[in-house]
């Protein structure tokens, strides 16, 4: 990921807020794993934003399902 792009996202998030939620799922251990929104997370950290809006999805049943869901979210 290009650091200049993350800086641009960070400035945008500070100016306009988070426009779209990140997507994640909760695993069996209670950890939240991002499926989509890694750039938003890095931008929020860079901007000092303490909270990221995240939409929780059902946990994938396989690595293949995780890949397909991630791919679909990135395409959309």
C-alpha atoms as a PDB file:
ATOM      1  CA  UNK A   1       0.000   0.000   0.000  1.00  0.00           C
ATOM      2  CA  UNK A   2       1.322   3.370  -1.036  1.00  0.00           C
ATOM      3  CA  UNK A   3       2.035   5.602   2.031  1.00  0.00           C
ATOM      4  CA  UNK A   4       0.986   8.709   0.073  1.00  0.00           C
ATOM      5  CA  UNK A   5      -2.375   7.091  -0.625  1.00  0.00           C
ATOM      6  CA  UNK A   6      -2.833   6.296   3.083  1.00  0.00           C
ATOM      7  CA  UNK A   7      -2.040   9.950   3.916  1.00  0.00           C
ATOM      8  CA  UNK A   8      -4.638  11.079   1.366  1.00  0.00           C
ATOM      9  CA  UNK A   9      -7.248   8.729   2.874  1.00  0.00           C
ATOM     10  CA  UNK A  10      -6.359  10.003   6.358  1.00  0.00           C
ATOM     11  CA  UNK A  11      -6.885  13.628   5.312  1.00  0.00           C
ATOM     12  CA  UNK A  12     -10.186  12.684   3.695  1.00  0.00           C
ATOM     13  CA  UNK A  13     -11.367  10.833   6.797  1.00  0.00           C
ATOM     14  CA  UNK A  14     -10.513  13.830   8.970  1.00  0.00           C
ATOM     15  CA  UNK A  15     -12.296  16.216   6.627  1.00  0.00           C
ATOM     16  CA  UNK A  16     -15.336  14.120   5.725  1.00  0.00           C
ATOM     17  CA  UNK A  17     -15.505  11.259   8.210  1.00  0.00           C
ATOM     18  CA  UNK A  18     -15.563   7.584   7.342  1.00  0.00           C
ATOM     19  CA  UNK A  19     -17.759   7.231   4.260  1.00  0.00           C
ATOM     20  CA  UNK A  20     -18.030   3.426   4.153  1.00  0.00           C
ATOM     21  CA  UNK A  21     -17.716   0.835   6.910  1.00  0.00           C
ATOM     22  CA  UNK A  22     -14.967  -1.746   6.899  1.00  0.00           C
ATOM     23  CA  UNK A  23     -16.078  -5.384   6.709  1.00  0.00           C
ATOM     24  CA  UNK A  24     -15.008  -8.002   9.229  1.00  0.00           C
ATOM     25  CA  UNK A  25     -15.982 -11.200  10.982  1.00  0.00           C
ATOM     26  CA  UNK A  26     -15.542 -12.483  14.518  1.00  0.00           C
ATOM     27  CA  UNK A  27     -13.577 -15.724  14.773  1.00  0.00           C
ATOM     28  CA  UNK A  28     -14.108 -18.540  17.284  1.00  0.00           C
ATOM     29  CA  UNK A  29     -11.711 -16.835  19.748  1.00  0.00           C
ATOM     30  CA  UNK A  30     -13.652 -13.558  19.657  1.00  0.00           C
ATOM     31  CA  UNK A  31     -11.069 -11.741  17.528  1.00  0.00           C
ATOM     32  CA  UNK A  32     -12.259  -9.391  14.819  1.00  0.00           C
ATOM     33  CA  UNK A  33     -10.626 -10.013  11.429  1.00  0.00           C
ATOM     34  CA  UNK A  34     -10.954  -7.483   8.613  1.00  0.00           C
ATOM     35  CA  UNK A  35     -12.125  -8.766   5.254  1.00  0.00           C
ATOM     36  CA  UNK A  36     -12.161  -5.340   3.622  1.00  0.00           C
ATOM     37  CA  UNK A  37     -11.044  -1.913   4.843  1.00  0.00           C
ATOM     38  CA  UNK A  38      -7.340  -2.352   5.526  1.00  0.00           C
ATOM     39  CA  UNK A  39      -6.546   1.018   3.928  1.00  0.00           C
ATOM     40  CA  UNK A  40      -9.287   2.683   5.999  1.00  0.00           C
ATOM     41  CA  UNK A  41      -7.800   1.154   9.138  1.00  0.00           C
ATOM     42  CA  UNK A  42      -4.294   2.370   8.311  1.00  0.00           C
ATOM     43  CA  UNK A  43      -5.637   5.817   7.410  1.00  0.00           C
ATOM     44  CA  UNK A  44      -7.569   6.022  10.684  1.00  0.00           C
ATOM     45  CA  UNK A  45      -4.448   5.097  12.638  1.00  0.00           C
ATOM     46  CA  UNK A  46      -2.385   7.668  10.701  1.00  0.00           C
ATOM     47  CA  UNK A  47      -5.015  10.346  11.359  1.00  0.00           C
ATOM     48  CA  UNK A  48      -5.316   9.525  15.043  1.00  0.00           C
ATOM     49  CA  UNK A  49      -8.927   8.422  14.649  1.00  0.00           C
ATOM     50  CA  UNK A  50      -9.678   6.077  17.534  1.00  0.00           C
ATOM     51  CA  UNK A  51     -12.723   4.280  16.137  1.00  0.00           C
ATOM     52  CA  UNK A  52     -13.436   2.658  12.815  1.00  0.00           C
ATOM     53  CA  UNK A  53     -16.980   1.764  11.792  1.00  0.00           C
ATOM     54  CA  UNK A  54     -17.020  -1.952  10.994  1.00  0.00           C
ATOM     55  CA  UNK A  55     -19.831  -4.076   9.600  1.00  0.00           C
ATOM     56  CA  UNK A  56     -19.682  -7.618  11.006  1.00  0.00           C
ATOM     57  CA  UNK A  57     -20.352 -10.522   8.656  1.00  0.00           C
ATOM     58  CA  UNK A  58     -20.774 -14.215   9.452  1.00  0.00           C
ATOM     59  CA  UNK A  59     -17.451 -16.026   9.829  1.00  0.00           C
ATOM     60  CA  UNK A  60     -16.392 -17.803   6.618  1.00  0.00           C
ATOM     61  CA  UNK A  61     -16.566 -21.584   6.632  1.00  0.00           C
ATOM     62  CA  UNK A  62     -13.330 -21.985   4.663  1.00  0.00           C
ATOM     63  CA  UNK A  63     -10.319 -20.094   3.350  1.00  0.00           C
ATOM     64  CA  UNK A  64     -11.858 -20.289  -0.122  1.00  0.00           C
ATOM     65  CA  UNK A  65     -15.056 -18.618   1.111  1.00  0.00           C
ATOM     66  CA  UNK A  66     -12.991 -15.930   2.864  1.00  0.00           C
ATOM     67  CA  UNK A  67     -11.064 -15.261  -0.352  1.00  0.00           C
ATOM     68  CA  UNK A  68     -14.236 -15.049  -2.445  1.00  0.00           C
ATOM     69  CA  UNK A  69     -15.976 -12.736   0.026  1.00  0.00           C
ATOM     70  CA  UNK A  70     -12.937 -10.467   0.239  1.00  0.00           C
ATOM     71  CA  UNK A  71     -12.622 -10.385  -3.521  1.00  0.00           C
ATOM     72  CA  UNK A  72     -16.310  -9.553  -3.945  1.00  0.00           C
ATOM     73  CA  UNK A  73     -16.095  -6.683  -1.448  1.00  0.00           C
ATOM     74  CA  UNK A  74     -13.020  -5.265  -3.188  1.00  0.00           C
ATOM     75  CA  UNK A  75     -14.704  -5.416  -6.590  1.00  0.00           C
ATOM     76  CA  UNK A  76     -17.865  -3.722  -5.324  1.00  0.00           C
END
